[in-house]
Full PDB file with SEQRES, HELIX, SHEET, SSBOND, CRYST1, ORIGX, SCALE, CONECT and MASTER records, all heavy atoms in Angstrom:
SEQRES   1 A   41  GLY LEU GLN ASP ALA ALA ILE ASN PRO GLU MET LYS ARG          
SEQRES   2 A   41  ILE ILE GLY GLU VAL ARG GLU SER LEU GLU GLY GLY ARG          
SEQRES   3 A   41  GLU LEU SER GLN ALA MET ALA ARG HIS PRO ARG VAL PHE          
SEQRES   4 A   41  SER PRO                                                      
HELIX    1 AA1 LEU A    2  ALA A    5  1                                   4    
HELIX    2 AA2 PRO A    9  GLU A   23  1                                  15    
HELIX    3 AA3 LEU A   28  ALA A   33  1                                   6    
CRYST1    1.000    1.000    1.000  90.00  90.00  90.00 P 1           1          
ORIGX1      1.000000  0.000000  0.000000        0.00000                         
ORIGX2      0.000000  1.000000  0.000000        0.00000                         
ORIGX3      0.000000  0.000000  1.000000        0.00000                         
SCALE1      1.000000  0.000000  0.000000        0.00000                         
SCALE2      0.000000  1.000000  0.000000        0.00000                         
SCALE3      0.000000  0.000000  1.000000        0.00000                         
ATOM      1  N   GLY A   1     143.972 163.996  77.580  1.00  0.00           N  
ATOM      2  CA  GLY A   1     142.598 163.955  78.084  1.00  0.00           C  
ATOM      3  C   GLY A   1     142.520 164.242  79.566  1.00  0.00           C  
ATOM      4  O   GLY A   1     141.637 164.970  80.038  1.00  0.00           O  
ATOM      5  N   LEU A   2     143.479 163.686  80.338  1.00  0.00           N  
ATOM      6  CA  LEU A   2     143.485 163.922  81.775  1.00  0.00           C  
ATOM      7  C   LEU A   2     143.831 165.369  82.097  1.00  0.00           C  
ATOM      8  O   LEU A   2     143.310 165.935  83.060  1.00  0.00           O  
ATOM      9  CB  LEU A   2     144.494 162.981  82.452  1.00  0.00           C  
ATOM     10  CG  LEU A   2     144.146 161.494  82.419  1.00  0.00           C  
ATOM     11  CD1 LEU A   2     145.213 160.675  83.127  1.00  0.00           C  
ATOM     12  CD2 LEU A   2     142.788 161.244  83.070  1.00  0.00           C  
ATOM     13  N   GLN A   3     144.692 165.972  81.269  1.00  0.00           N  
ATOM     14  CA  GLN A   3     145.033 167.382  81.488  1.00  0.00           C  
ATOM     15  C   GLN A   3     143.815 168.272  81.279  1.00  0.00           C  
ATOM     16  O   GLN A   3     143.565 169.205  82.047  1.00  0.00           O  
ATOM     17  CB  GLN A   3     146.165 167.802  80.546  1.00  0.00           C  
ATOM     18  CG  GLN A   3     146.616 169.248  80.760  1.00  0.00           C  
ATOM     19  CD  GLN A   3     147.721 169.640  79.810  1.00  0.00           C  
ATOM     20  OE1 GLN A   3     148.112 168.872  78.927  1.00  0.00           O  
ATOM     21  NE2 GLN A   3     148.237 170.857  79.966  1.00  0.00           N  
ATOM     22  N   ASP A   4     143.045 167.983  80.243  1.00  0.00           N  
ATOM     23  CA  ASP A   4     141.840 168.775  79.983  1.00  0.00           C  
ATOM     24  C   ASP A   4     140.779 168.567  81.060  1.00  0.00           C  
ATOM     25  O   ASP A   4     140.027 169.487  81.386  1.00  0.00           O  
ATOM     26  CB  ASP A   4     141.263 168.409  78.613  1.00  0.00           C  
ATOM     27  CG  ASP A   4     142.185 168.816  77.471  1.00  0.00           C  
ATOM     28  OD1 ASP A   4     142.993 169.738  77.677  1.00  0.00           O  
ATOM     29  OD2 ASP A   4     142.103 168.199  76.390  1.00  0.00           O  
ATOM     30  N   ALA A   5     140.723 167.337  81.608  1.00  0.00           N  
ATOM     31  CA  ALA A   5     139.667 167.017  82.576  1.00  0.00           C  
ATOM     32  C   ALA A   5     140.051 167.382  84.004  1.00  0.00           C  
ATOM     33  O   ALA A   5     139.195 167.382  84.891  1.00  0.00           O  
ATOM     34  CB  ALA A   5     139.331 165.528  82.508  1.00  0.00           C  
ATOM     35  N   ALA A   6     141.334 167.684  84.256  1.00  0.00           N  
ATOM     36  CA  ALA A   6     141.790 167.963  85.621  1.00  0.00           C  
ATOM     37  C   ALA A   6     141.131 169.226  86.167  1.00  0.00           C  
ATOM     38  O   ALA A   6     141.086 170.261  85.497  1.00  0.00           O  
ATOM     39  CB  ALA A   6     143.313 168.092  85.656  1.00  0.00           C  
ATOM     40  N   ILE A   7     140.623 169.135  87.390  1.00  0.00           N  
ATOM     41  CA  ILE A   7     139.985 170.277  88.046  1.00  0.00           C  
ATOM     42  C   ILE A   7     141.019 171.117  88.790  1.00  0.00           C  
ATOM     43  O   ILE A   7     140.961 172.346  88.791  1.00  0.00           O  
ATOM     44  CB  ILE A   7     138.884 169.790  89.005  1.00  0.00           C  
ATOM     45  CG1 ILE A   7     137.810 169.015  88.232  1.00  0.00           C  
ATOM     46  CG2 ILE A   7     138.263 170.961  89.751  1.00  0.00           C  
ATOM     47  CD1 ILE A   7     136.735 168.416  89.110  1.00  0.00           C  
ATOM     48  N   ASN A   8     141.978 170.447  89.415  1.00  0.00           N  
ATOM     49  CA  ASN A   8     143.037 171.129  90.168  1.00  0.00           C  
ATOM     50  C   ASN A   8     144.016 171.777  89.184  1.00  0.00           C  
ATOM     51  O   ASN A   8     144.650 171.084  88.384  1.00  0.00           O  
ATOM     52  CB  ASN A   8     143.769 170.115  91.054  1.00  0.00           C  
ATOM     53  CG  ASN A   8     144.750 170.784  92.006  1.00  0.00           C  
ATOM     54  OD1 ASN A   8     145.274 171.853  91.728  1.00  0.00           O  
ATOM     55  ND2 ASN A   8     144.997 170.131  93.129  1.00  0.00           N  
ATOM     56  N   PRO A   9     144.168 173.104  89.214  1.00  0.00           N  
ATOM     57  CA  PRO A   9     145.088 173.775  88.274  1.00  0.00           C  
ATOM     58  C   PRO A   9     146.525 173.287  88.382  1.00  0.00           C  
ATOM     59  O   PRO A   9     147.227 173.184  87.369  1.00  0.00           O  
ATOM     60  CB  PRO A   9     144.973 175.259  88.659  1.00  0.00           C  
ATOM     61  CG  PRO A   9     143.687 175.375  89.391  1.00  0.00           C  
ATOM     62  CD  PRO A   9     143.485 174.075  90.086  1.00  0.00           C  
ATOM     63  N   GLU A  10     146.973 172.975  89.592  1.00  0.00           N  
ATOM     64  CA  GLU A  10     148.340 172.496  89.776  1.00  0.00           C  
ATOM     65  C   GLU A  10     148.527 171.118  89.154  1.00  0.00           C  
ATOM     66  O   GLU A  10     149.552 170.833  88.531  1.00  0.00           O  
ATOM     67  CB  GLU A  10     148.681 172.463  91.268  1.00  0.00           C  
ATOM     68  CG  GLU A  10     150.094 172.022  91.585  1.00  0.00           C  
ATOM     69  CD  GLU A  10     151.162 172.991  91.103  1.00  0.00           C  
ATOM     70  OE1 GLU A  10     150.811 174.082  90.603  1.00  0.00           O  
ATOM     71  OE2 GLU A  10     152.359 172.652  91.215  1.00  0.00           O  
ATOM     72  N   MET A  11     147.522 170.251  89.309  1.00  0.00           N  
ATOM     73  CA  MET A  11     147.593 168.930  88.683  1.00  0.00           C  
ATOM     74  C   MET A  11     147.567 169.052  87.171  1.00  0.00           C  
ATOM     75  O   MET A  11     148.285 168.316  86.466  1.00  0.00           O  
ATOM     76  CB  MET A  11     146.422 168.057  89.172  1.00  0.00           C  
ATOM     77  CG  MET A  11     146.548 166.590  88.787  1.00  0.00           C  
ATOM     78  SD  MET A  11     147.945 165.824  89.650  1.00  0.00           S  
ATOM     79  CE  MET A  11     147.961 164.197  88.891  1.00  0.00           C  
ATOM     80  N   LYS A  12     146.779 169.981  86.659  1.00  0.00           N  
ATOM     81  CA  LYS A  12     146.725 170.226  85.219  1.00  0.00           C  
ATOM     82  C   LYS A  12     148.101 170.663  84.709  1.00  0.00           C  
ATOM     83  O   LYS A  12     148.569 170.199  83.651  1.00  0.00           O  
ATOM     84  CB  LYS A  12     145.671 171.291  84.914  1.00  0.00           C  
ATOM     85  CG  LYS A  12     145.447 171.568  83.418  1.00  0.00           C  
ATOM     86  CD  LYS A  12     144.548 172.772  83.242  1.00  0.00           C  
ATOM     87  CE  LYS A  12     143.158 172.495  83.740  1.00  0.00           C  
ATOM     88  NZ  LYS A  12     142.394 171.611  82.808  1.00  0.00           N  
ATOM     89  N   ARG A  13     148.767 171.530  85.467  1.00  0.00           N  
ATOM     90  CA  ARG A  13     150.091 172.018  85.056  1.00  0.00           C  
ATOM     91  C   ARG A  13     151.115 170.889  85.045  1.00  0.00           C  
ATOM     92  O   ARG A  13     151.914 170.757  84.112  1.00  0.00           O  
ATOM     93  CB  ARG A  13     150.549 173.125  86.003  1.00  0.00           C  
ATOM     94  CG  ARG A  13     151.906 173.736  85.636  1.00  0.00           C  
ATOM     95  CD  ARG A  13     152.380 174.691  86.725  1.00  0.00           C  
ATOM     96  NE  ARG A  13     152.695 174.000  87.963  1.00  0.00           N  
ATOM     97  CZ  ARG A  13     153.853 173.375  88.201  1.00  0.00           C  
ATOM     98  NH1 ARG A  13     154.796 173.348  87.252  1.00  0.00           N  
ATOM     99  NH2 ARG A  13     154.066 172.777  89.353  1.00  0.00           N  
ATOM    100  N   ILE A  14     151.089 170.048  86.070  1.00  0.00           N  
ATOM    101  CA  ILE A  14     152.061 168.962  86.175  1.00  0.00           C  
ATOM    102  C   ILE A  14     151.856 167.943  85.058  1.00  0.00           C  
ATOM    103  O   ILE A  14     152.830 167.467  84.444  1.00  0.00           O  
ATOM    104  CB  ILE A  14     151.954 168.300  87.560  1.00  0.00           C  
ATOM    105  CG1 ILE A  14     152.492 169.255  88.629  1.00  0.00           C  
ATOM    106  CG2 ILE A  14     152.715 166.981  87.592  1.00  0.00           C  
ATOM    107  CD1 ILE A  14     152.308 168.770  90.036  1.00  0.00           C  
ATOM    108  N   ILE A  15     150.611 167.598  84.765  1.00  0.00           N  
ATOM    109  CA  ILE A  15     150.349 166.658  83.659  1.00  0.00           C  
ATOM    110  C   ILE A  15     150.849 167.248  82.348  1.00  0.00           C  
ATOM    111  O   ILE A  15     151.420 166.539  81.497  1.00  0.00           O  
ATOM    112  CB  ILE A  15     148.845 166.325  83.582  1.00  0.00           C  
ATOM    113  CG1 ILE A  15     148.391 165.581  84.841  1.00  0.00           C  
ATOM    114  CG2 ILE A  15     148.550 165.478  82.342  1.00  0.00           C  
ATOM    115  CD1 ILE A  15     146.905 165.316  84.899  1.00  0.00           C  
ATOM    116  N   GLY A  16     150.667 168.561  82.171  1.00  0.00           N  
ATOM    117  CA  GLY A  16     151.169 169.217  80.962  1.00  0.00           C  
ATOM    118  C   GLY A  16     152.691 169.136  80.851  1.00  0.00           C  
ATOM    119  O   GLY A  16     153.242 168.883  79.768  1.00  0.00           O  
ATOM    120  N   GLU A  17     153.381 169.322  81.978  1.00  0.00           N  
ATOM    121  CA  GLU A  17     154.843 169.231  81.967  1.00  0.00           C  
ATOM    122  C   GLU A  17     155.311 167.797  81.720  1.00  0.00           C  
ATOM    123  O   GLU A  17     156.336 167.576  81.056  1.00  0.00           O  
ATOM    124  CB  GLU A  17     155.408 169.760  83.284  1.00  0.00           C  
ATOM    125  CG  GLU A  17     155.211 171.265  83.462  1.00  0.00           C  
ATOM    126  CD  GLU A  17     155.852 171.780  84.736  1.00  0.00           C  
ATOM    127  OE1 GLU A  17     156.486 170.969  85.452  1.00  0.00           O  
ATOM    128  OE2 GLU A  17     155.729 172.996  85.008  1.00  0.00           O  
ATOM    129  N   VAL A  18     154.571 166.825  82.236  1.00  0.00           N  
ATOM    130  CA  VAL A  18     154.907 165.422  81.960  1.00  0.00           C  
ATOM    131  C   VAL A  18     154.747 165.130  80.465  1.00  0.00           C  
ATOM    132  O   VAL A  18     155.592 164.454  79.855  1.00  0.00           O  
ATOM    133  CB  VAL A  18     154.022 164.483  82.804  1.00  0.00           C  
ATOM    134  CG1 VAL A  18     154.191 163.031  82.354  1.00  0.00           C  
ATOM    135  CG2 VAL A  18     154.369 164.612  84.284  1.00  0.00           C  
ATOM    136  N   ARG A  19     153.691 165.653  79.851  1.00  0.00           N  
ATOM    137  CA  ARG A  19     153.489 165.477  78.401  1.00  0.00           C  
ATOM    138  C   ARG A  19     154.646 166.097  77.620  1.00  0.00           C  
ATOM    139  O   ARG A  19     155.163 165.488  76.664  1.00  0.00           O  
ATOM    140  CB  ARG A  19     152.183 166.133  77.966  1.00  0.00           C  
ATOM    141  CG  ARG A  19     150.922 165.350  78.310  1.00  0.00           C  
ATOM    142  CD  ARG A  19     149.719 166.054  77.710  1.00  0.00           C  
ATOM    143  NE  ARG A  19     149.846 166.157  76.251  1.00  0.00           N  
ATOM    144  CZ  ARG A  19     149.260 167.096  75.513  1.00  0.00           C  
ATOM    145  NH1 ARG A  19     148.543 168.038  76.088  1.00  0.00           N  
ATOM    146  NH2 ARG A  19     149.406 167.090  74.205  1.00  0.00           N  
ATOM    147  N   GLU A  20     155.051 167.297  78.008  1.00  0.00           N  
ATOM    148  CA  GLU A  20     156.160 167.960  77.306  1.00  0.00           C  
ATOM    149  C   GLU A  20     157.449 167.151  77.418  1.00  0.00           C  
ATOM    150  O   GLU A  20     158.217 167.049  76.457  1.00  0.00           O  
ATOM    151  CB  GLU A  20     156.360 169.364  77.874  1.00  0.00           C  
ATOM    152  CG  GLU A  20     155.209 170.323  77.572  1.00  0.00           C  
ATOM    153  CD  GLU A  20     155.405 171.676  78.238  1.00  0.00           C  
ATOM    154  OE1 GLU A  20     156.440 171.851  78.922  1.00  0.00           O  
ATOM    155  OE2 GLU A  20     154.523 172.537  78.098  1.00  0.00           O  
ATOM    156  N   SER A  21     157.689 166.565  78.590  1.00  0.00           N  
ATOM    157  CA  SER A  21     158.887 165.743  78.770  1.00  0.00           C  
ATOM    158  C   SER A  21     158.829 164.499  77.893  1.00  0.00           C  
ATOM    159  O   SER A  21     159.843 164.081  77.314  1.00  0.00           O  
ATOM    160  CB  SER A  21     159.036 165.346  80.239  1.00  0.00           C  
ATOM    161  OG  SER A  21     159.215 166.478  81.064  1.00  0.00           O  
ATOM    162  N   LEU A  22     157.652 163.896  77.792  1.00  0.00           N  
ATOM    163  CA  LEU A  22     157.505 162.726  76.930  1.00  0.00           C  
ATOM    164  C   LEU A  22     157.727 163.098  75.464  1.00  0.00           C  
ATOM    165  O   LEU A  22     158.362 162.346  74.703  1.00  0.00           O  
ATOM    166  CB  LEU A  22     156.110 162.108  77.111  1.00  0.00           C  
ATOM    167  CG  LEU A  22     155.843 161.399  78.441  1.00  0.00           C  
ATOM    168  CD1 LEU A  22     154.411 160.897  78.496  1.00  0.00           C  
ATOM    169  CD2 LEU A  22     156.805 160.237  78.627  1.00  0.00           C  
ATOM    170  N   GLU A  23     157.221 164.252  75.054  1.00  0.00           N  
ATOM    171  CA  GLU A  23     157.439 164.703  73.676  1.00  0.00           C  
ATOM    172  C   GLU A  23     158.911 164.995  73.412  1.00  0.00           C  
ATOM    173  O   GLU A  23     159.380 164.883  72.279  1.00  0.00           O  
ATOM    174  CB  GLU A  23     156.599 165.961  73.412  1.00  0.00           C  
ATOM    175  CG  GLU A  23     155.100 165.695  73.377  1.00  0.00           C  
ATOM    176  CD  GLU A  23     154.293 166.983  73.281  1.00  0.00           C  
ATOM    177  OE1 GLU A  23     154.899 168.074  73.430  1.00  0.00           O  
ATOM    178  OE2 GLU A  23     153.066 166.897  73.083  1.00  0.00           O  
ATOM    179  N   GLY A  24     159.645 165.320  74.482  1.00  0.00           N  
ATOM    180  CA  GLY A  24     161.075 165.585  74.353  1.00  0.00           C  
ATOM    181  C   GLY A  24     161.922 164.328  74.368  1.00  0.00           C  
ATOM    182  O   GLY A  24     163.156 164.420  74.340  1.00  0.00           O  
ATOM    183  N   GLY A  25     161.295 163.167  74.467  1.00  0.00           N  
ATOM    184  CA  GLY A  25     162.025 161.904  74.396  1.00  0.00           C  
ATOM    185  C   GLY A  25     162.271 161.230  75.723  1.00  0.00           C  
ATOM    186  O   GLY A  25     162.918 160.178  75.765  1.00  0.00           O  
ATOM    187  N   ARG A  26     161.790 161.787  76.831  1.00  0.00           N  
ATOM    188  CA  ARG A  26     161.983 161.151  78.127  1.00  0.00           C  
ATOM    189  C   ARG A  26     160.977 160.022  78.335  1.00  0.00           C  
ATOM    190  O   ARG A  26     159.910 159.999  77.730  1.00  0.00           O  
ATOM    191  CB  ARG A  26     161.820 162.177  79.258  1.00  0.00           C  
ATOM    192  CG  ARG A  26     162.902 163.235  79.323  1.00  0.00           C  
ATOM    193  CD  ARG A  26     162.593 164.216  80.440  1.00  0.00           C  
ATOM    194  NE  ARG A  26     163.608 165.248  80.552  1.00  0.00           N  
ATOM    195  CZ  ARG A  26     164.679 165.174  81.342  1.00  0.00           C  
ATOM    196  NH1 ARG A  26     164.850 164.107  82.102  1.00  0.00           N  
ATOM    197  NH2 ARG A  26     165.570 166.157  81.388  1.00  0.00           N  
ATOM    198  N   GLU A  27     161.339 159.092  79.222  1.00  0.00           N  
ATOM    199  CA  GLU A  27     160.401 158.061  79.630  1.00  0.00           C  
ATOM    200  C   GLU A  27     159.426 158.639  80.659  1.00  0.00           C  
ATOM    201  O   GLU A  27     159.692 159.678  81.270  1.00  0.00           O  
ATOM    202  CB  GLU A  27     161.154 156.873  80.225  1.00  0.00           C  
ATOM    203  CG  GLU A  27     162.031 156.144  79.216  1.00  0.00           C  
ATOM    204  CD  GLU A  27     162.728 154.952  79.833  1.00  0.00           C  
ATOM    205  OE1 GLU A  27     162.665 154.820  81.082  1.00  0.00           O  
ATOM    206  OE2 GLU A  27     163.325 154.159  79.094  1.00  0.00           O  
ATOM    207  N   LEU A  28     158.314 157.940  80.846  1.00  0.00           N  
ATOM    208  CA  LEU A  28     157.282 158.443  81.764  1.00  0.00           C  
ATOM    209  C   LEU A  28     157.823 158.575  83.184  1.00  0.00           C  
ATOM    210  O   LEU A  28     157.551 159.566  83.863  1.00  0.00           O  
ATOM    211  CB  LEU A  28     156.072 157.503  81.743  1.00  0.00           C  
ATOM    212  CG  LEU A  28     154.895 157.899  82.657  1.00  0.00           C  
ATOM    213  CD1 LEU A  28     154.336 159.259  82.251  1.00  0.00           C  
ATOM    214  CD2 LEU A  28     153.804 156.829  82.604  1.00  0.00           C  
ATOM    215  N   SER A  29     158.581 157.591  83.645  1.00  0.00           N  
ATOM    216  CA  SER A  29     159.121 157.652  85.010  1.00  0.00           C  
ATOM    217  C   SER A  29     160.081 158.824  85.171  1.00  0.00           C  
ATOM    218  O   SER A  29     160.101 159.483  86.217  1.00  0.00           O  
ATOM    219  CB  SER A  29     159.835 156.340  85.352  1.00  0.00           C  
ATOM    220  OG  SER A  29     160.875 156.077  84.418  1.00  0.00           O  
ATOM    221  N   GLN A  30     160.890 159.094  84.142  1.00  0.00           N  
ATOM    222  CA  GLN A  30     161.810 160.233  84.210  1.00  0.00           C  
ATOM    223  C   GLN A  30     161.050 161.550  84.208  1.00  0.00           C  
ATOM    224  O   GLN A  30     161.433 162.502  84.903  1.00  0.00           O  
ATOM    225  CB  GLN A  30     162.786 160.182  83.037  1.00  0.00           C  
ATOM    226  CG  GLN A  30     163.747 158.998  83.076  1.00  0.00           C  
ATOM    227  CD  GLN A  30     164.626 158.921  81.848  1.00  0.00           C  
ATOM    228  OE1 GLN A  30     164.273 159.417  80.774  1.00  0.00           O  
ATOM    229  NE2 GLN A  30     165.783 158.297  81.981  1.00  0.00           N  
ATOM    230  N   ALA A  31     159.982 161.616  83.441  1.00  0.00           N  
ATOM    231  CA  ALA A  31     159.170 162.838  83.410  1.00  0.00           C  
ATOM    232  C   ALA A  31     158.504 163.084  84.760  1.00  0.00           C  
ATOM    233  O   ALA A  31     158.437 164.215  85.244  1.00  0.00           O  
ATOM    234  CB  ALA A  31     158.121 162.729  82.306  1.00  0.00           C  
ATOM    235  N   MET A  32     158.016 162.008  85.380  1.00  0.00           N  
ATOM    236  CA  MET A  32     157.376 162.146  86.686  1.00  0.00           C  
ATOM    237  C   MET A  32     158.394 162.469  87.775  1.00  0.00           C  
ATOM    238  O   MET A  32     158.066 163.138  88.760  1.00  0.00           O  
ATOM    239  CB  MET A  32     156.629 160.861  87.043  1.00  0.00           C  
ATOM    240  CG  MET A  32     155.383 160.617  86.221  1.00  0.00           C  
ATOM    241  SD  MET A  32     154.564 159.070  86.690  1.00  0.00           S  
ATOM    242  CE  MET A  32     153.008 159.247  85.795  1.00  0.00           C  
ATOM    243  N   ALA A  33     159.635 161.994  87.622  1.00  0.00           N  
ATOM    244  CA  ALA A  33     160.672 162.223  88.633  1.00  0.00           C  
ATOM    245  C   ALA A  33     161.009 163.697  88.785  1.00  0.00           C  
ATOM    246  O   ALA A  33     161.594 164.098  89.798  1.00  0.00           O  
ATOM    247  CB  ALA A  33     161.928 161.439  88.281  1.00  0.00           C  
ATOM    248  N   ARG A  34     160.633 164.519  87.825  1.00  0.00           N  
ATOM    249  CA  ARG A  34     160.873 165.956  87.916  1.00  0.00           C  
ATOM    250  C   ARG A  34     159.904 166.628  88.895  1.00  0.00           C  
ATOM    251  O   ARG A  34     160.023 167.817  89.165  1.00  0.00           O  
ATOM    252  CB  ARG A  34     160.738 166.592  86.531  1.00  0.00           C  
ATOM    253  CG  ARG A  34     161.724 166.057  85.499  1.00  0.00           C  
ATOM    254  CD  ARG A  34     161.486 166.640  84.135  1.00  0.00           C  
ATOM    255  NE  ARG A  34     161.694 168.079  84.116  1.00  0.00           N  
ATOM    256  CZ  ARG A  34     161.412 168.862  83.071  1.00  0.00           C  
ATOM    257  NH1 ARG A  34     160.908 168.329  81.970  1.00  0.00           N  
ATOM    258  NH2 ARG A  34     161.617 170.159  83.143  1.00  0.00           N  
ATOM    259  N   HIS A  35     158.957 165.859  89.422  1.00  0.00           N  
ATOM    260  CA  HIS A  35     157.969 166.394  90.364  1.00  0.00           C  
ATOM    261  C   HIS A  35     157.952 165.515  91.616  1.00  0.00           C  
ATOM    262  O   HIS A  35     156.963 164.813  91.878  1.00  0.00           O  
ATOM    263  CB  HIS A  35     156.589 166.442  89.712  1.00  0.00           C  
ATOM    264  CG  HIS A  35     156.558 167.192  88.418  1.00  0.00           C  
ATOM    265  ND1 HIS A  35     156.517 168.565  88.349  1.00  0.00           N  
ATOM    266  CD2 HIS A  35     156.607 166.755  87.134  1.00  0.00           C  
ATOM    267  CE1 HIS A  35     156.511 168.943  87.080  1.00  0.00           C  
ATOM    268  NE2 HIS A  35     156.578 167.868  86.334  1.00  0.00           N  
ATOM    269  N   PRO A  36     159.025 165.549  92.411  1.00  0.00           N  
ATOM    270  CA  PRO A  36     159.129 164.643  93.566  1.00  0.00           C  
ATOM    271  C   PRO A  36     158.108 164.906  94.660  1.00  0.00           C  
ATOM    272  O   PRO A  36     157.837 164.025  95.466  1.00  0.00           O  
ATOM    273  CB  PRO A  36     160.566 164.890  94.070  1.00  0.00           C  
ATOM    274  CG  PRO A  36     160.903 166.272  93.598  1.00  0.00           C  
ATOM    275  CD  PRO A  36     160.209 166.426  92.281  1.00  0.00           C  
ATOM    276  N   ARG A  37     157.537 166.111  94.706  1.00  0.00           N  
ATOM    277  CA  ARG A  37     156.544 166.405  95.739  1.00  0.00           C  
ATOM    278  C   ARG A  37     155.185 165.794  95.405  1.00  0.00           C  
ATOM    279  O   ARG A  37     154.306 165.734  96.268  1.00  0.00           O  
ATOM    280  CB  ARG A  37     156.406 167.917  95.940  1.00  0.00           C  
ATOM    281  CG  ARG A  37     157.676 168.566  96.460  1.00  0.00           C  
ATOM    282  CD  ARG A  37     157.445 170.010  96.865  1.00  0.00           C  
ATOM    283  NE  ARG A  37     158.656 170.626  97.370  1.00  0.00           N  
ATOM    284  CZ  ARG A  37     159.108 170.489  98.607  1.00  0.00           C  
ATOM    285  NH1 ARG A  37     158.417 169.759  99.461  1.00  0.00           N  
ATOM    286  NH2 ARG A  37     160.221 171.070  98.991  1.00  0.00           N  
ATOM    287  N   VAL A  38     155.003 165.374  94.173  1.00  0.00           N  
ATOM    288  CA  VAL A  38     153.745 164.759  93.756  1.00  0.00           C  
ATOM    289  C   VAL A  38     153.900 163.247  93.616  1.00  0.00           C  
ATOM    290  O   VAL A  38     153.100 162.473  94.146  1.00  0.00           O  
ATOM    291  CB  VAL A  38     153.251 165.371  92.428  1.00  0.00           C  
ATOM    292  CG1 VAL A  38     151.965 164.686  91.961  1.00  0.00           C  
ATOM    293  CG2 VAL A  38     153.032 166.870  92.584  1.00  0.00           C  
ATOM    294  N   PHE A  39     154.948 162.827  92.924  1.00  0.00           N  
ATOM    295  CA  PHE A  39     155.175 161.406  92.667  1.00  0.00           C  
ATOM    296  C   PHE A  39     156.308 160.920  93.577  1.00  0.00           C  
ATOM    297  O   PHE A  39     157.457 161.324  93.415  1.00  0.00           O  
ATOM    298  CB  PHE A  39     155.525 161.171  91.198  1.00  0.00           C  
ATOM    299  CG  PHE A  39     154.482 161.679  90.247  1.00  0.00           C  
ATOM    300  CD1 PHE A  39     154.696 162.844  89.517  1.00  0.00           C  
ATOM    301  CD2 PHE A  39     153.283 161.013  90.083  1.00  0.00           C  
ATOM    302  CE1 PHE A  39     153.737 163.323  88.640  1.00  0.00           C  
ATOM    303  CE2 PHE A  39     152.313 161.481  89.209  1.00  0.00           C  
ATOM    304  CZ  PHE A  39     152.539 162.646  88.490  1.00  0.00           C  
ATOM    305  N   SER A  40     155.973 160.082  94.529  1.00  0.00           N  
ATOM    306  CA  SER A  40     156.944 159.587  95.505  1.00  0.00           C  
ATOM    307  C   SER A  40     157.902 158.593  94.848  1.00  0.00           C  
ATOM    308  O   SER A  40     157.621 158.066  93.761  1.00  0.00           O  
ATOM    309  CB  SER A  40     156.204 158.899  96.657  1.00  0.00           C  
ATOM    310  OG  SER A  40     155.554 157.725  96.194  1.00  0.00           O  
ATOM    311  N   PRO A  41     159.049 158.315  95.506  1.00  0.00           N  
ATOM    312  CA  PRO A  41     159.959 157.294  94.979  1.00  0.00           C  
ATOM    313  C   PRO A  41     159.279 155.945  94.782  1.00  0.00           C  
ATOM    314  O   PRO A  41     159.594 155.227  93.829  1.00  0.00           O  
ATOM    315  CB  PRO A  41     161.057 157.227  96.043  1.00  0.00           C  
ATOM    316  CG  PRO A  41     161.065 158.598  96.647  1.00  0.00           C  
ATOM    317  CD  PRO A  41     159.630 159.034  96.647  1.00  0.00           C  
TER     318      PRO A  41                                                      
MASTER        0    0    0    3    0    0    0    6  317    1    0    4          
END                                                                             
């Protein structure tokens, strides 16, 4: 839902990649860790 509602194309892309990582069996924190410029330590 957040991916569809996102106005920023880059944010939409990152949420989509986080979803794909979750579908691949990763945890949410691990999926977000692949985007260090967006999600800080």
